[in-house]
Amino acid sequence: MLQLWIIEQCLSRFFSAIVYFQAPTFSYDLSTSTCISKTPLVPDPYEDLFVFVDESLIPMAGEGLFAKADLEAATVIAFYNGIRLTSKESPPMEDSGYKLKLDKDHDLDLPPGMESLDHYCASLGHKV
């Protein structure tokens, strides 16, 4: 009986010590002309499988994106995001140097300050 009581006490303490956490919920978050993301500091878990950011190997280039392991050809490893502008809209800022043509009607551009992972890390394509 005493052994059974000791086992029950140990199991009770073990299970009460387990810390439960809630994983972040991800949802589709299409950028707009004024908002790059509703959650700019939540990293993409898919990108985290493949890449990391570190100091570029190119002198004076800042940060770069690096593969965590050898990759198969044509593997998507990161995504590019930016504020979404139509050709009819006036950009709310000067071109950042990160501007890309998304399609015939839309451009993506990184708002000022979003180059820094301290302000935006929801996607890492801008570090390529």
N, C-alpha and C. Protein backbone atom coordinates (compact mmCIF):
# COMPACT_ATOMS: atom_id res chain seq x y z
N MET A 1 0.82 -1.19 0.00
CA MET A 1 0.00 0.00 0.00
C MET A 1 0.87 1.26 0.00
N LEU A 2 1.89 1.27 0.83
CA LEU A 2 2.74 2.45 0.91
C LEU A 2 3.44 2.72 -0.43
N GLN A 3 3.88 1.64 -1.09
CA GLN A 3 4.54 1.80 -2.40
C GLN A 3 3.57 2.39 -3.42
N LEU A 4 2.35 1.93 -3.42
CA LEU A 4 1.34 2.45 -4.34
C LEU A 4 1.08 3.93 -4.07
N TRP A 5 1.00 4.31 -2.78
CA TRP A 5 0.78 5.71 -2.42
C TRP A 5 1.95 6.57 -2.90
N ILE A 6 3.17 6.10 -2.75
CA ILE A 6 4.36 6.85 -3.18
C ILE A 6 4.34 7.03 -4.70
N ILE A 7 4.01 5.97 -5.42
CA ILE A 7 3.93 6.07 -6.89
C ILE A 7 2.87 7.07 -7.30
N GLU A 8 1.70 7.03 -6.65
CA GLU A 8 0.63 7.97 -6.97
C GLU A 8 1.08 9.41 -6.71
N GLN A 9 1.79 9.63 -5.60
CA GLN A 9 2.26 10.98 -5.28
C GLN A 9 3.28 11.47 -6.32
N CYS A 10 4.18 10.58 -6.71
CA CYS A 10 5.19 10.97 -7.70
C CYS A 10 4.53 11.30 -9.04
N LEU A 11 3.61 10.44 -9.47
CA LEU A 11 2.91 10.70 -10.73
C LEU A 11 2.10 11.99 -10.67
N SER A 12 1.46 12.21 -9.54
CA SER A 12 0.66 13.43 -9.38
C SER A 12 1.54 14.67 -9.50
N ARG A 13 2.68 14.66 -8.86
CA ARG A 13 3.59 15.81 -8.93
C ARG A 13 4.18 15.97 -10.33
N PHE A 14 4.48 14.84 -10.98
CA PHE A 14 5.03 14.90 -12.32
C PHE A 14 4.04 15.54 -13.28
N PHE A 15 2.81 15.07 -13.28
CA PHE A 15 1.83 15.60 -14.21
C PHE A 15 1.41 17.02 -13.88
N SER A 16 1.44 17.39 -12.61
CA SER A 16 1.09 18.78 -12.28
C SER A 16 2.23 19.73 -12.64
N ALA A 17 3.43 19.19 -12.84
CA ALA A 17 4.57 20.02 -13.19
C ALA A 17 4.67 20.26 -14.70
N ILE A 18 3.92 19.52 -15.49
CA ILE A 18 3.95 19.72 -16.94
C ILE A 18 3.36 21.08 -17.26
N VAL A 19 4.08 21.86 -18.01
CA VAL A 19 3.62 23.19 -18.38
C VAL A 19 2.99 23.11 -19.77
N TYR A 20 1.74 23.49 -19.84
CA TYR A 20 1.06 23.49 -21.13
C TYR A 20 1.20 24.88 -21.74
N PHE A 21 1.41 24.92 -23.02
CA PHE A 21 1.50 26.21 -23.70
C PHE A 21 0.61 26.17 -24.93
N GLN A 22 0.24 27.33 -25.37
CA GLN A 22 -0.57 27.44 -26.57
C GLN A 22 0.32 27.91 -27.70
N ALA A 23 0.38 27.11 -28.75
CA ALA A 23 1.17 27.48 -29.91
C ALA A 23 0.49 28.64 -30.63
N PRO A 24 1.26 29.48 -31.31
CA PRO A 24 0.63 30.58 -32.03
C PRO A 24 -0.30 30.07 -33.12
N THR A 25 -1.34 30.81 -33.36
CA THR A 25 -2.27 30.49 -34.43
C THR A 25 -1.87 31.30 -35.65
N PHE A 26 -1.75 30.62 -36.78
CA PHE A 26 -1.37 31.29 -38.01
C PHE A 26 -2.57 31.40 -38.92
N SER A 27 -2.64 32.49 -39.64
CA SER A 27 -3.73 32.66 -40.60
C SER A 27 -3.20 33.47 -41.78
N TYR A 28 -3.95 33.43 -42.86
CA TYR A 28 -3.58 34.19 -44.05
C TYR A 28 -3.64 35.67 -43.73
N ASP A 29 -2.59 36.39 -44.05
CA ASP A 29 -2.46 37.80 -43.68
C ASP A 29 -1.97 38.59 -44.89
N LEU A 30 -2.86 38.93 -45.77
CA LEU A 30 -2.52 39.64 -46.99
C LEU A 30 -2.14 41.09 -46.67
N SER A 31 -0.98 41.51 -47.15
CA SER A 31 -0.57 42.90 -46.91
C SER A 31 -1.48 43.86 -47.65
N THR A 32 -1.48 45.10 -47.20
CA THR A 32 -2.25 46.16 -47.85
C THR A 32 -1.30 47.28 -48.23
N SER A 33 -1.83 48.37 -48.70
CA SER A 33 -0.98 49.50 -49.07
C SER A 33 -0.45 50.25 -47.84
N THR A 34 -0.97 49.93 -46.67
CA THR A 34 -0.51 50.62 -45.45
C THR A 34 -0.02 49.67 -44.36
N CYS A 35 -0.24 48.36 -44.52
CA CYS A 35 0.13 47.41 -43.47
C CYS A 35 0.81 46.19 -44.08
N ILE A 36 2.06 45.95 -43.69
CA ILE A 36 2.78 44.80 -44.22
C ILE A 36 2.29 43.50 -43.57
N SER A 37 1.90 43.57 -42.29
CA SER A 37 1.43 42.38 -41.58
C SER A 37 0.79 42.80 -40.27
N LYS A 38 -0.23 42.05 -39.87
CA LYS A 38 -0.85 42.29 -38.56
C LYS A 38 0.04 41.75 -37.44
N THR A 39 0.92 40.81 -37.78
CA THR A 39 1.83 40.20 -36.80
C THR A 39 3.26 40.21 -37.34
N PRO A 40 3.87 41.38 -37.43
CA PRO A 40 5.18 41.49 -38.07
C PRO A 40 6.32 40.81 -37.32
N LEU A 41 6.11 40.48 -36.05
CA LEU A 41 7.18 39.87 -35.27
C LEU A 41 6.97 38.39 -34.99
N VAL A 42 6.03 37.77 -35.70
CA VAL A 42 5.82 36.33 -35.57
C VAL A 42 6.50 35.66 -36.76
N PRO A 43 7.62 34.96 -36.52
CA PRO A 43 8.36 34.34 -37.62
C PRO A 43 7.56 33.23 -38.31
N ASP A 44 7.81 33.06 -39.58
CA ASP A 44 7.16 32.02 -40.35
C ASP A 44 7.78 30.67 -39.98
N PRO A 45 7.00 29.70 -39.50
CA PRO A 45 7.58 28.41 -39.08
C PRO A 45 8.12 27.60 -40.26
N TYR A 46 7.59 27.79 -41.45
CA TYR A 46 8.11 27.09 -42.62
C TYR A 46 9.53 27.57 -42.93
N GLU A 47 9.71 28.88 -42.97
CA GLU A 47 11.05 29.43 -43.25
C GLU A 47 12.05 28.97 -42.21
N ASP A 48 11.60 28.87 -40.97
CA ASP A 48 12.49 28.46 -39.88
C ASP A 48 13.08 27.07 -40.10
N LEU A 49 12.42 26.25 -40.88
CA LEU A 49 12.94 24.91 -41.19
C LEU A 49 14.17 24.98 -42.08
N PHE A 50 14.26 26.02 -42.91
CA PHE A 50 15.27 26.05 -43.97
C PHE A 50 16.35 27.10 -43.84
N VAL A 51 16.05 28.25 -43.25
CA VAL A 51 16.99 29.38 -43.33
C VAL A 51 17.21 30.06 -41.99
N PHE A 52 18.31 30.82 -41.94
CA PHE A 52 18.58 31.69 -40.80
C PHE A 52 19.25 32.96 -41.31
N VAL A 53 19.18 34.01 -40.53
CA VAL A 53 19.78 35.30 -40.88
C VAL A 53 21.07 35.46 -40.10
N ASP A 54 22.10 35.91 -40.80
CA ASP A 54 23.40 36.16 -40.17
C ASP A 54 24.10 37.28 -40.95
N GLU A 55 25.23 37.69 -40.47
CA GLU A 55 26.02 38.71 -41.15
C GLU A 55 26.40 38.19 -42.54
N SER A 56 26.20 39.02 -43.55
CA SER A 56 26.51 38.63 -44.92
C SER A 56 28.00 38.35 -45.08
N LEU A 57 28.32 37.43 -45.98
CA LEU A 57 29.71 37.15 -46.31
C LEU A 57 30.27 38.20 -47.26
N ILE A 58 29.39 39.06 -47.78
CA ILE A 58 29.81 40.14 -48.66
C ILE A 58 30.14 41.36 -47.79
N PRO A 59 31.35 41.87 -47.85
CA PRO A 59 31.72 43.01 -47.01
C PRO A 59 30.77 44.19 -47.18
N MET A 60 30.38 44.81 -46.07
CA MET A 60 29.55 46.01 -46.03
C MET A 60 28.10 45.75 -46.51
N ALA A 61 27.68 44.50 -46.61
CA ALA A 61 26.35 44.20 -47.14
C ALA A 61 25.30 44.03 -46.05
N GLY A 62 25.68 44.05 -44.80
CA GLY A 62 24.70 43.88 -43.72
C GLY A 62 24.37 42.42 -43.50
N GLU A 63 23.08 42.13 -43.33
CA GLU A 63 22.66 40.76 -43.05
C GLU A 63 22.29 40.03 -44.34
N GLY A 64 22.39 38.70 -44.28
CA GLY A 64 22.02 37.88 -45.42
C GLY A 64 21.25 36.66 -44.95
N LEU A 65 20.70 35.94 -45.89
CA LEU A 65 19.91 34.74 -45.60
C LEU A 65 20.74 33.51 -45.98
N PHE A 66 20.79 32.54 -45.07
CA PHE A 66 21.61 31.35 -45.26
C PHE A 66 20.77 30.09 -45.07
N ALA A 67 21.09 29.06 -45.84
CA ALA A 67 20.41 27.77 -45.71
C ALA A 67 20.95 27.02 -44.49
N LYS A 68 20.06 26.35 -43.79
CA LYS A 68 20.45 25.55 -42.63
C LYS A 68 21.07 24.22 -43.04
N ALA A 69 20.77 23.77 -44.25
CA ALA A 69 21.28 22.48 -44.75
C ALA A 69 21.28 22.52 -46.28
N ASP A 70 21.85 21.49 -46.89
CA ASP A 70 21.78 21.39 -48.34
C ASP A 70 20.32 21.27 -48.76
N LEU A 71 19.99 21.88 -49.88
CA LEU A 71 18.59 21.92 -50.34
C LEU A 71 18.46 21.32 -51.73
N GLU A 72 17.30 20.74 -51.96
CA GLU A 72 16.96 20.26 -53.30
C GLU A 72 16.75 21.47 -54.20
N ALA A 73 17.05 21.33 -55.47
CA ALA A 73 16.79 22.40 -56.44
C ALA A 73 15.31 22.74 -56.44
N ALA A 74 14.99 24.01 -56.59
CA ALA A 74 13.62 24.53 -56.69
C ALA A 74 12.84 24.44 -55.38
N THR A 75 13.52 24.25 -54.26
CA THR A 75 12.84 24.24 -52.96
C THR A 75 12.52 25.67 -52.55
N VAL A 76 11.28 25.94 -52.21
CA VAL A 76 10.91 27.26 -51.67
C VAL A 76 11.43 27.29 -50.24
N ILE A 77 12.26 28.29 -49.94
CA ILE A 77 12.86 28.36 -48.60
C ILE A 77 12.46 29.60 -47.82
N ALA A 78 11.97 30.62 -48.52
CA ALA A 78 11.58 31.87 -47.86
C ALA A 78 10.57 32.59 -48.74
N PHE A 79 9.87 33.52 -48.13
CA PHE A 79 8.85 34.29 -48.82
C PHE A 79 9.19 35.77 -48.75
N TYR A 80 8.80 36.50 -49.78
CA TYR A 80 8.99 37.95 -49.80
C TYR A 80 7.63 38.60 -49.56
N ASN A 81 7.59 39.57 -48.68
CA ASN A 81 6.37 40.31 -48.42
C ASN A 81 6.71 41.80 -48.37
N GLY A 82 5.73 42.61 -48.59
CA GLY A 82 5.88 44.05 -48.51
C GLY A 82 4.51 44.68 -48.57
N ILE A 83 4.47 45.98 -48.42
CA ILE A 83 3.18 46.63 -48.61
C ILE A 83 2.80 46.44 -50.08
N ARG A 84 1.54 46.25 -50.33
CA ARG A 84 1.03 45.91 -51.66
C ARG A 84 0.46 47.16 -52.31
N LEU A 85 1.06 47.56 -53.41
CA LEU A 85 0.65 48.79 -54.09
C LEU A 85 0.17 48.48 -55.50
N THR A 86 -0.92 49.10 -55.89
CA THR A 86 -1.37 48.97 -57.28
C THR A 86 -0.70 50.08 -58.09
N SER A 87 -0.70 49.91 -59.39
CA SER A 87 -0.08 50.93 -60.25
C SER A 87 -0.85 52.25 -60.18
N LYS A 88 -2.09 52.22 -59.71
CA LYS A 88 -2.91 53.43 -59.62
C LYS A 88 -2.67 54.19 -58.32
N GLU A 89 -2.10 53.52 -57.32
CA GLU A 89 -1.88 54.16 -56.02
C GLU A 89 -0.55 54.90 -56.01
N SER A 90 -0.53 56.00 -55.31
CA SER A 90 0.73 56.69 -55.07
C SER A 90 1.40 56.01 -53.89
N PRO A 91 2.66 55.65 -54.02
CA PRO A 91 3.33 55.02 -52.89
C PRO A 91 3.40 55.97 -51.70
N PRO A 92 3.22 55.45 -50.48
CA PRO A 92 3.27 56.30 -49.29
C PRO A 92 4.69 56.70 -48.91
N MET A 93 5.68 56.25 -49.71
CA MET A 93 7.08 56.50 -49.40
C MET A 93 7.87 56.41 -50.70
N GLU A 94 9.12 56.78 -50.63
CA GLU A 94 10.01 56.58 -51.78
C GLU A 94 10.34 55.10 -51.87
N ASP A 95 10.71 54.65 -53.07
CA ASP A 95 11.12 53.25 -53.22
C ASP A 95 12.25 52.95 -52.23
N SER A 96 12.15 51.81 -51.60
CA SER A 96 13.10 51.46 -50.55
C SER A 96 14.35 50.76 -51.07
N GLY A 97 14.34 50.35 -52.32
CA GLY A 97 15.42 49.50 -52.81
C GLY A 97 15.05 48.03 -52.68
N TYR A 98 13.95 47.75 -52.04
CA TYR A 98 13.44 46.39 -51.87
C TYR A 98 12.21 46.15 -52.75
N LYS A 99 11.83 47.11 -53.56
CA LYS A 99 10.60 47.03 -54.34
C LYS A 99 10.69 45.93 -55.41
N LEU A 100 9.63 45.11 -55.48
CA LEU A 100 9.53 44.05 -56.48
C LEU A 100 8.20 44.15 -57.21
N LYS A 101 8.21 43.79 -58.46
CA LYS A 101 6.98 43.73 -59.25
C LYS A 101 6.32 42.38 -58.95
N LEU A 102 5.12 42.42 -58.35
CA LEU A 102 4.41 41.19 -58.02
C LEU A 102 3.71 40.61 -59.24
N ASP A 103 2.99 41.46 -59.93
CA ASP A 103 2.31 41.09 -61.18
C ASP A 103 2.12 42.37 -61.98
N LYS A 104 1.37 42.31 -63.07
CA LYS A 104 1.27 43.51 -63.92
C LYS A 104 0.59 44.68 -63.23
N ASP A 105 -0.17 44.42 -62.17
CA ASP A 105 -0.90 45.49 -61.50
C ASP A 105 -0.41 45.83 -60.09
N HIS A 106 0.51 45.02 -59.55
CA HIS A 106 0.90 45.21 -58.14
C HIS A 106 2.41 45.17 -57.94
N ASP A 107 2.87 45.99 -57.03
CA ASP A 107 4.25 45.97 -56.55
C ASP A 107 4.24 45.65 -55.07
N LEU A 108 5.34 45.10 -54.58
CA LEU A 108 5.56 44.93 -53.15
C LEU A 108 6.78 45.76 -52.77
N ASP A 109 6.70 46.46 -51.66
CA ASP A 109 7.84 47.25 -51.19
C ASP A 109 7.91 47.16 -49.68
N LEU A 110 9.10 47.18 -49.17
CA LEU A 110 9.33 47.09 -47.73
C LEU A 110 9.29 48.49 -47.12
N PRO A 111 8.40 48.72 -46.17
CA PRO A 111 8.34 50.05 -45.55
C PRO A 111 9.63 50.38 -44.79
N PRO A 112 9.92 51.66 -44.64
CA PRO A 112 11.14 52.06 -43.91
C PRO A 112 11.18 51.45 -42.51
N GLY A 113 12.36 50.97 -42.13
CA GLY A 113 12.55 50.38 -40.81
C GLY A 113 12.28 48.89 -40.75
N MET A 114 11.57 48.37 -41.73
CA MET A 114 11.20 46.95 -41.70
C MET A 114 12.33 46.03 -42.16
N GLU A 115 13.47 46.60 -42.55
CA GLU A 115 14.62 45.77 -42.90
C GLU A 115 15.14 45.05 -41.67
N SER A 116 14.95 45.66 -40.52
CA SER A 116 15.46 45.13 -39.26
C SER A 116 14.57 44.01 -38.73
N LEU A 117 15.18 42.92 -38.30
CA LEU A 117 14.42 41.82 -37.71
C LEU A 117 13.76 42.23 -36.39
N ASP A 118 14.23 43.31 -35.80
CA ASP A 118 13.60 43.82 -34.58
C ASP A 118 12.22 44.40 -34.87
N HIS A 119 11.97 44.76 -36.14
CA HIS A 119 10.69 45.35 -36.52
C HIS A 119 9.85 44.47 -37.43
N TYR A 120 10.51 43.57 -38.16
CA TYR A 120 9.77 42.69 -39.07
C TYR A 120 10.54 41.40 -39.31
N CYS A 121 9.93 40.28 -38.92
CA CYS A 121 10.53 38.97 -39.18
C CYS A 121 9.49 37.93 -39.60
N ALA A 122 8.30 38.40 -40.00
CA ALA A 122 7.23 37.48 -40.40
C ALA A 122 7.59 36.73 -41.69
N SER A 123 8.44 37.30 -42.52
CA SER A 123 9.01 36.61 -43.67
C SER A 123 10.43 37.12 -43.82
N LEU A 124 11.29 36.32 -44.45
CA LEU A 124 12.70 36.68 -44.51
C LEU A 124 13.24 36.88 -45.93
N GLY A 125 12.37 36.88 -46.91
CA GLY A 125 12.82 37.03 -48.29
C GLY A 125 13.58 38.32 -48.55
N HIS A 126 13.32 39.35 -47.75
CA HIS A 126 14.02 40.62 -47.95
C HIS A 126 15.49 40.55 -47.52
N LYS A 127 15.90 39.45 -46.91
CA LYS A 127 17.30 39.29 -46.49
C LYS A 127 18.15 38.60 -47.55
N VAL A 128 17.52 38.19 -48.66
CA VAL A 128 18.27 37.51 -49.73
C VAL A 128 19.18 38.51 -50.42
